[in-house]
Amino acid sequence: MQVSKRAFSAKHSVCVMANSKQHDIVGARLMRKLSAMSNDSIEFTGYGGSHMKRDGLNSTLDFDLEMVPNKEFVTYRKGRNMNEESNAKWNPFNLVNKHFTRKTNHVYDLMMEASLPRRIYQSRPDLILNIGNEYMTFLMMEELLPYY
């Protein structure tokens, strides 16, 4: 299926956050497709790895994706930042492992120290894409909600 190119009247901003090494590749592919469809009228901000940076990511936060653990399909064990209401809202399948959450909480703390939600809001993206690592995604979306 061929998708026609679309001309945008102004430069648009998309915040892409890749929460694992595998999703850095997915994010890079997505960025290439969006750029091609929009005639390169999209600016990409957020965070990711080398693949996304190569495809034009303006990094909001530089950190090593090696720090973010990859997650296997496992049963849920409550993390420190999740309560029942939040968990039911964001993750009805309960697929988070306690070892995974412990490592991810460290990365999350580094992001909060760098005021990442505030910095994302200040860049006023038209779209926020949070790719992979649903635990990190849920935590970040909870932090971004008060801004919107």
N, C-alpha and C. Protein backbone atom coordinates (compact mmCIF):
# COMPACT_ATOMS: atom_id res chain seq x y z
N MET A 1 0.85 -1.18 0.00
CA MET A 1 0.00 0.00 0.00
C MET A 1 0.89 1.23 0.00
N GLN A 2 0.70 2.09 -0.94
CA GLN A 2 1.48 3.31 -1.07
C GLN A 2 0.73 4.46 -0.39
N VAL A 3 1.40 5.15 0.50
CA VAL A 3 0.79 6.29 1.19
C VAL A 3 1.31 7.56 0.53
N SER A 4 0.39 8.44 0.17
CA SER A 4 0.81 9.67 -0.48
C SER A 4 1.46 10.62 0.50
N LYS A 5 2.36 11.46 -0.02
CA LYS A 5 3.01 12.45 0.83
C LYS A 5 2.02 13.54 1.19
N ARG A 6 2.20 14.10 2.33
CA ARG A 6 1.28 15.10 2.82
C ARG A 6 2.07 16.36 3.13
N ALA A 7 1.62 17.47 2.66
CA ALA A 7 2.30 18.72 2.91
C ALA A 7 1.70 19.39 4.14
N PHE A 8 2.54 19.73 5.09
CA PHE A 8 2.10 20.43 6.28
C PHE A 8 2.41 21.91 6.11
N SER A 9 1.58 22.75 6.72
CA SER A 9 1.76 24.19 6.54
C SER A 9 2.88 24.74 7.40
N ALA A 10 3.22 24.06 8.45
CA ALA A 10 4.27 24.54 9.35
C ALA A 10 5.08 23.35 9.85
N LYS A 11 6.18 23.65 10.47
CA LYS A 11 7.02 22.60 11.06
C LYS A 11 6.31 22.06 12.29
N HIS A 12 6.18 20.76 12.37
CA HIS A 12 5.55 20.12 13.51
C HIS A 12 6.61 19.44 14.37
N SER A 13 6.28 19.28 15.63
CA SER A 13 7.21 18.67 16.58
C SER A 13 6.60 17.38 17.12
N VAL A 14 7.40 16.33 17.12
CA VAL A 14 6.99 15.04 17.67
C VAL A 14 8.02 14.64 18.71
N CYS A 15 7.54 14.32 19.91
CA CYS A 15 8.42 13.83 20.97
C CYS A 15 8.38 12.31 20.94
N VAL A 16 9.51 11.68 20.66
CA VAL A 16 9.61 10.23 20.58
C VAL A 16 10.51 9.77 21.72
N MET A 17 9.99 8.84 22.53
CA MET A 17 10.76 8.32 23.66
C MET A 17 10.89 6.81 23.50
N ALA A 18 12.10 6.33 23.23
CA ALA A 18 12.36 4.91 23.09
C ALA A 18 12.89 4.39 24.41
N ASN A 19 12.18 3.46 25.00
CA ASN A 19 12.53 2.97 26.33
C ASN A 19 13.30 1.66 26.34
N SER A 20 13.89 1.29 25.23
CA SER A 20 14.77 0.12 25.21
C SER A 20 15.60 0.16 23.93
N LYS A 21 16.60 -0.70 23.88
CA LYS A 21 17.47 -0.74 22.70
C LYS A 21 16.70 -1.19 21.46
N GLN A 22 15.82 -2.17 21.61
CA GLN A 22 15.03 -2.65 20.48
C GLN A 22 14.11 -1.56 19.95
N HIS A 23 13.57 -0.77 20.84
CA HIS A 23 12.62 0.26 20.43
C HIS A 23 13.31 1.50 19.87
N ASP A 24 14.61 1.59 20.04
CA ASP A 24 15.39 2.62 19.36
C ASP A 24 15.31 2.37 17.85
N ILE A 25 15.41 1.12 17.45
CA ILE A 25 15.31 0.75 16.03
C ILE A 25 13.90 1.02 15.51
N VAL A 26 12.90 0.64 16.30
CA VAL A 26 11.50 0.88 15.92
C VAL A 26 11.26 2.39 15.78
N GLY A 27 11.76 3.16 16.74
CA GLY A 27 11.60 4.62 16.70
C GLY A 27 12.26 5.24 15.48
N ALA A 28 13.44 4.73 15.10
CA ALA A 28 14.14 5.24 13.93
C ALA A 28 13.34 4.98 12.66
N ARG A 29 12.77 3.77 12.55
CA ARG A 29 11.94 3.45 11.38
C ARG A 29 10.71 4.35 11.33
N LEU A 30 10.10 4.53 12.46
CA LEU A 30 8.92 5.39 12.54
C LEU A 30 9.25 6.83 12.15
N MET A 31 10.38 7.32 12.62
CA MET A 31 10.81 8.68 12.28
C MET A 31 11.06 8.83 10.78
N ARG A 32 11.70 7.81 10.19
CA ARG A 32 11.95 7.87 8.74
C ARG A 32 10.64 7.92 7.96
N LYS A 33 9.68 7.09 8.35
CA LYS A 33 8.39 7.06 7.65
C LYS A 33 7.63 8.38 7.83
N LEU A 34 7.61 8.91 9.04
CA LEU A 34 6.92 10.18 9.27
C LEU A 34 7.59 11.32 8.50
N SER A 35 8.91 11.33 8.46
CA SER A 35 9.63 12.36 7.71
C SER A 35 9.32 12.27 6.22
N ALA A 36 9.30 11.06 5.70
CA ALA A 36 9.01 10.87 4.28
C ALA A 36 7.59 11.31 3.94
N MET A 37 6.64 10.97 4.81
CA MET A 37 5.24 11.34 4.55
C MET A 37 5.00 12.84 4.66
N SER A 38 5.80 13.52 5.47
CA SER A 38 5.56 14.94 5.72
C SER A 38 6.52 15.85 4.95
N ASN A 39 7.27 15.30 4.03
CA ASN A 39 8.27 16.08 3.29
C ASN A 39 9.27 16.74 4.23
N ASP A 40 9.68 16.02 5.25
CA ASP A 40 10.67 16.47 6.23
C ASP A 40 10.27 17.73 6.98
N SER A 41 8.97 17.90 7.24
CA SER A 41 8.52 19.08 7.99
C SER A 41 8.26 18.75 9.46
N ILE A 42 8.86 17.69 9.97
CA ILE A 42 8.69 17.30 11.36
C ILE A 42 10.03 17.38 12.08
N GLU A 43 10.00 17.99 13.26
CA GLU A 43 11.19 18.02 14.12
C GLU A 43 10.97 16.99 15.22
N PHE A 44 11.97 16.13 15.46
CA PHE A 44 11.86 15.08 16.46
C PHE A 44 12.66 15.44 17.70
N THR A 45 12.01 15.39 18.85
CA THR A 45 12.67 15.59 20.13
C THR A 45 12.41 14.35 20.98
N GLY A 46 12.98 14.29 22.15
CA GLY A 46 12.77 13.16 23.06
C GLY A 46 14.08 12.50 23.40
N TYR A 47 14.04 11.19 23.57
CA TYR A 47 15.26 10.46 23.86
C TYR A 47 15.22 9.10 23.18
N GLY A 48 16.39 8.60 22.88
CA GLY A 48 16.54 7.32 22.22
C GLY A 48 18.01 7.01 22.06
N GLY A 49 18.29 6.04 21.22
CA GLY A 49 19.67 5.63 21.04
C GLY A 49 20.27 6.14 19.74
N SER A 50 21.32 5.47 19.32
CA SER A 50 22.09 5.92 18.16
C SER A 50 21.29 5.86 16.86
N HIS A 51 20.41 4.89 16.72
CA HIS A 51 19.62 4.77 15.49
C HIS A 51 18.70 5.99 15.31
N MET A 52 18.03 6.37 16.39
CA MET A 52 17.12 7.52 16.31
C MET A 52 17.91 8.82 16.11
N LYS A 53 19.05 8.95 16.76
CA LYS A 53 19.87 10.15 16.59
C LYS A 53 20.36 10.27 15.15
N ARG A 54 20.69 9.15 14.55
CA ARG A 54 21.13 9.14 13.16
C ARG A 54 20.02 9.61 12.23
N ASP A 55 18.77 9.35 12.60
CA ASP A 55 17.63 9.74 11.76
C ASP A 55 17.03 11.08 12.14
N GLY A 56 17.75 11.89 12.92
CA GLY A 56 17.32 13.27 13.15
C GLY A 56 16.73 13.59 14.50
N LEU A 57 16.93 12.74 15.49
CA LEU A 57 16.41 13.03 16.83
C LEU A 57 17.21 14.15 17.48
N ASN A 58 16.52 15.18 17.95
CA ASN A 58 17.10 16.24 18.76
C ASN A 58 16.93 15.79 20.20
N SER A 59 17.94 15.24 20.81
CA SER A 59 17.79 14.59 22.10
C SER A 59 17.49 15.59 23.23
N THR A 60 16.37 15.39 23.90
CA THR A 60 15.98 16.19 25.06
C THR A 60 16.78 15.75 26.28
N LEU A 61 17.11 14.47 26.33
CA LEU A 61 17.81 13.89 27.47
C LEU A 61 18.78 12.85 26.94
N ASP A 62 20.04 12.97 27.28
CA ASP A 62 21.02 11.98 26.86
C ASP A 62 21.26 11.00 27.99
N PHE A 63 20.93 9.74 27.74
CA PHE A 63 21.28 8.68 28.67
C PHE A 63 21.47 7.41 27.87
N ASP A 64 22.16 6.47 28.47
CA ASP A 64 22.52 5.23 27.80
C ASP A 64 21.35 4.25 27.86
N LEU A 65 20.85 3.83 26.70
CA LEU A 65 19.75 2.87 26.67
C LEU A 65 20.15 1.51 27.23
N GLU A 66 21.44 1.27 27.37
CA GLU A 66 21.90 0.03 27.99
C GLU A 66 21.43 -0.06 29.45
N MET A 67 21.14 1.10 30.05
CA MET A 67 20.67 1.12 31.45
C MET A 67 19.25 0.60 31.57
N VAL A 68 18.46 0.72 30.51
CA VAL A 68 17.07 0.29 30.57
C VAL A 68 17.01 -1.20 30.28
N PRO A 69 16.48 -1.97 31.21
CA PRO A 69 16.46 -3.43 31.00
C PRO A 69 15.40 -3.84 29.99
N ASN A 70 15.68 -4.93 29.30
CA ASN A 70 14.67 -5.52 28.43
C ASN A 70 13.77 -6.38 29.29
N LYS A 71 12.50 -6.46 28.96
CA LYS A 71 11.55 -7.16 29.80
C LYS A 71 10.98 -8.38 29.09
N GLU A 72 11.00 -9.48 29.79
CA GLU A 72 10.37 -10.69 29.28
C GLU A 72 8.91 -10.69 29.70
N PHE A 73 8.13 -11.58 29.13
CA PHE A 73 6.72 -11.72 29.48
C PHE A 73 6.64 -12.45 30.82
N VAL A 74 6.30 -11.74 31.87
CA VAL A 74 6.23 -12.32 33.21
C VAL A 74 5.00 -11.77 33.93
N THR A 75 4.70 -12.35 35.10
CA THR A 75 3.55 -11.88 35.86
C THR A 75 3.90 -10.63 36.66
N TYR A 76 2.89 -9.94 37.10
CA TYR A 76 3.04 -8.65 37.78
C TYR A 76 3.47 -8.81 39.23
N ARG A 77 4.40 -7.95 39.65
CA ARG A 77 4.71 -7.75 41.06
C ARG A 77 4.78 -6.25 41.24
N LYS A 78 4.05 -5.75 42.16
CA LYS A 78 3.85 -4.31 42.30
C LYS A 78 5.17 -3.55 42.45
N GLY A 79 5.33 -2.49 41.67
CA GLY A 79 6.47 -1.59 41.76
C GLY A 79 6.16 -0.49 42.75
N ARG A 80 7.15 0.29 43.10
CA ARG A 80 6.95 1.29 44.15
C ARG A 80 6.04 2.44 43.73
N ASN A 81 5.98 2.73 42.43
CA ASN A 81 5.21 3.88 41.98
C ASN A 81 3.82 3.53 41.47
N MET A 82 3.46 2.28 41.52
CA MET A 82 2.18 1.87 40.97
C MET A 82 1.20 1.60 42.12
N ASN A 83 0.01 2.14 42.01
CA ASN A 83 -1.05 1.77 42.93
C ASN A 83 -2.14 1.07 42.14
N GLU A 84 -3.14 0.52 42.82
CA GLU A 84 -4.15 -0.27 42.13
C GLU A 84 -4.90 0.55 41.08
N GLU A 85 -5.25 1.79 41.40
CA GLU A 85 -5.99 2.63 40.46
C GLU A 85 -5.15 2.93 39.22
N SER A 86 -3.91 3.31 39.45
CA SER A 86 -3.01 3.62 38.34
C SER A 86 -2.74 2.38 37.50
N ASN A 87 -2.53 1.26 38.17
CA ASN A 87 -2.24 0.02 37.45
C ASN A 87 -3.42 -0.40 36.58
N ALA A 88 -4.63 -0.33 37.12
CA ALA A 88 -5.80 -0.72 36.34
C ALA A 88 -6.00 0.21 35.15
N LYS A 89 -5.65 1.47 35.35
CA LYS A 89 -5.81 2.46 34.28
C LYS A 89 -4.83 2.24 33.14
N TRP A 90 -3.57 2.00 33.47
CA TRP A 90 -2.53 1.94 32.45
C TRP A 90 -2.14 0.53 32.03
N ASN A 91 -2.28 -0.44 32.89
CA ASN A 91 -1.76 -1.76 32.57
C ASN A 91 -2.69 -2.87 33.06
N PRO A 92 -3.79 -3.10 32.38
CA PRO A 92 -4.75 -4.10 32.86
C PRO A 92 -4.23 -5.53 32.81
N PHE A 93 -3.15 -5.79 32.08
CA PHE A 93 -2.65 -7.15 31.97
C PHE A 93 -1.61 -7.51 33.03
N ASN A 94 -1.15 -6.52 33.81
CA ASN A 94 -0.22 -6.76 34.92
C ASN A 94 1.02 -7.53 34.51
N LEU A 95 1.79 -6.99 33.60
CA LEU A 95 2.94 -7.70 33.05
C LEU A 95 4.27 -7.11 33.50
N VAL A 96 4.43 -6.83 34.78
CA VAL A 96 5.66 -6.20 35.25
C VAL A 96 6.33 -7.08 36.30
N ASN A 97 7.61 -7.28 36.19
CA ASN A 97 8.38 -8.12 37.08
C ASN A 97 9.12 -7.25 38.10
N LYS A 98 9.28 -7.71 39.34
CA LYS A 98 9.90 -6.88 40.37
C LYS A 98 11.35 -6.53 40.05
N HIS A 99 12.10 -7.42 39.42
CA HIS A 99 13.49 -7.11 39.07
C HIS A 99 13.53 -6.06 37.96
N PHE A 100 12.62 -6.17 37.05
CA PHE A 100 12.50 -5.20 35.97
C PHE A 100 12.15 -3.82 36.53
N THR A 101 11.19 -3.76 37.46
CA THR A 101 10.78 -2.47 38.00
C THR A 101 11.89 -1.84 38.82
N ARG A 102 12.68 -2.64 39.52
CA ARG A 102 13.76 -2.09 40.34
C ARG A 102 14.78 -1.36 39.46
N LYS A 103 15.19 -1.97 38.36
CA LYS A 103 16.15 -1.34 37.46
C LYS A 103 15.53 -0.15 36.75
N THR A 104 14.28 -0.29 36.35
CA THR A 104 13.60 0.78 35.64
C THR A 104 13.37 1.98 36.55
N ASN A 105 13.11 1.74 37.83
CA ASN A 105 12.92 2.84 38.77
C ASN A 105 14.17 3.70 38.87
N HIS A 106 15.34 3.08 38.76
CA HIS A 106 16.60 3.85 38.80
C HIS A 106 16.67 4.79 37.58
N VAL A 107 16.34 4.28 36.40
CA VAL A 107 16.35 5.10 35.19
C VAL A 107 15.29 6.20 35.31
N TYR A 108 14.13 5.85 35.83
CA TYR A 108 13.05 6.82 36.04
C TYR A 108 13.52 7.95 36.97
N ASP A 109 14.22 7.60 38.04
CA ASP A 109 14.74 8.62 38.96
C ASP A 109 15.70 9.57 38.24
N LEU A 110 16.56 9.03 37.37
CA LEU A 110 17.47 9.87 36.61
C LEU A 110 16.70 10.83 35.70
N MET A 111 15.63 10.36 35.11
CA MET A 111 14.80 11.21 34.25
C MET A 111 14.12 12.32 35.06
N MET A 112 13.67 11.99 36.25
CA MET A 112 13.02 12.99 37.09
C MET A 112 14.03 14.03 37.58
N GLU A 113 15.27 13.59 37.90
CA GLU A 113 16.32 14.52 38.29
C GLU A 113 16.62 15.51 37.16
N ALA A 114 16.49 15.05 35.93
CA ALA A 114 16.73 15.91 34.77
C ALA A 114 15.48 16.69 34.37
N SER A 115 14.41 16.62 35.15
CA SER A 115 13.14 17.32 34.89
C SER A 115 12.61 17.04 33.49
N LEU A 116 12.64 15.78 33.10
CA LEU A 116 12.23 15.41 31.74
C LEU A 116 10.79 15.78 31.42
N PRO A 117 9.79 15.52 32.28
CA PRO A 117 8.42 15.91 31.92
C PRO A 117 8.28 17.41 31.66
N ARG A 118 8.92 18.23 32.48
CA ARG A 118 8.86 19.68 32.29
C ARG A 118 9.52 20.06 30.97
N ARG A 119 10.65 19.44 30.67
CA ARG A 119 11.37 19.75 29.43
C ARG A 119 10.57 19.32 28.20
N ILE A 120 9.88 18.19 28.30
CA ILE A 120 9.02 17.76 27.20
C ILE A 120 7.90 18.76 27.00
N TYR A 121 7.26 19.15 28.09
CA TYR A 121 6.17 20.12 27.98
C TYR A 121 6.65 21.45 27.39
N GLN A 122 7.82 21.90 27.80
CA GLN A 122 8.34 23.18 27.30
C GLN A 122 8.65 23.14 25.81
N SER A 123 8.92 21.96 25.27
CA SER A 123 9.17 21.87 23.83
C SER A 123 7.86 21.87 23.03
N ARG A 124 6.72 21.81 23.71
CA ARG A 124 5.38 21.88 23.11
C ARG A 124 5.22 20.96 21.89
N PRO A 125 5.43 19.65 22.09
CA PRO A 125 5.28 18.75 20.94
C PRO A 125 3.81 18.62 20.52
N ASP A 126 3.60 18.40 19.23
CA ASP A 126 2.26 18.15 18.72
C ASP A 126 1.80 16.74 19.05
N LEU A 127 2.77 15.85 19.23
CA LEU A 127 2.48 14.44 19.49
C LEU A 127 3.57 13.88 20.39
N ILE A 128 3.18 13.04 21.35
CA ILE A 128 4.15 12.34 22.20
C ILE A 128 4.00 10.85 21.94
N LEU A 129 5.10 10.21 21.50
CA LEU A 129 5.12 8.77 21.26
C LEU A 129 6.07 8.14 22.26
N ASN A 130 5.56 7.27 23.09
CA ASN A 130 6.37 6.57 24.08
C ASN A 130 6.42 5.12 23.64
N ILE A 131 7.58 4.65 23.19
CA ILE A 131 7.70 3.34 22.56
C ILE A 131 8.37 2.35 23.51
N GLY A 132 7.73 1.21 23.73
CA GLY A 132 8.32 0.11 24.47
C GLY A 132 8.35 0.32 25.97
N ASN A 133 8.67 -0.73 26.71
CA ASN A 133 8.81 -0.71 28.16
C ASN A 133 7.58 -0.07 28.80
N GLU A 134 6.48 -0.80 28.83
CA GLU A 134 5.21 -0.20 29.28
C GLU A 134 5.28 0.33 30.71
N TYR A 135 6.07 -0.26 31.55
CA TYR A 135 6.18 0.25 32.92
C TYR A 135 6.72 1.68 32.91
N MET A 136 7.79 1.92 32.14
CA MET A 136 8.36 3.27 32.03
C MET A 136 7.36 4.20 31.35
N THR A 137 6.66 3.70 30.36
CA THR A 137 5.65 4.49 29.66
C THR A 137 4.57 4.96 30.62
N PHE A 138 4.06 4.06 31.45
CA PHE A 138 3.00 4.40 32.39
C PHE A 138 3.48 5.43 33.41
N LEU A 139 4.70 5.25 33.90
CA LEU A 139 5.25 6.20 34.86
C LEU A 139 5.40 7.59 34.23
N MET A 140 5.92 7.64 33.01
CA MET A 140 6.14 8.93 32.35
C MET A 140 4.81 9.61 32.00
N MET A 141 3.82 8.84 31.57
CA MET A 141 2.52 9.43 31.26
C MET A 141 1.87 10.01 32.51
N GLU A 142 2.03 9.34 33.64
CA GLU A 142 1.51 9.88 34.91
C GLU A 142 2.17 11.22 35.23
N GLU A 143 3.47 11.33 34.95
CA GLU A 143 4.20 12.59 35.20
C GLU A 143 3.78 13.70 34.24
N LEU A 144 3.44 13.33 33.00
CA LEU A 144 3.07 14.33 32.00
C LEU A 144 1.63 14.81 32.12
N LEU A 145 0.75 14.01 32.72
CA LEU A 145 -0.67 14.39 32.81
C LEU A 145 -0.92 15.77 33.43
N PRO A 146 -0.27 16.14 34.52
CA PRO A 146 -0.54 17.47 35.10
C PRO A 146 -0.22 18.63 34.16
N TYR A 147 0.68 18.43 33.21
CA TYR A 147 1.05 19.49 32.29
C TYR A 147 0.00 19.70 31.21
N TYR A 148 -0.80 18.67 30.96
CA TYR A 148 -1.79 18.76 29.89
C TYR A 148 -3.14 18.68 30.49
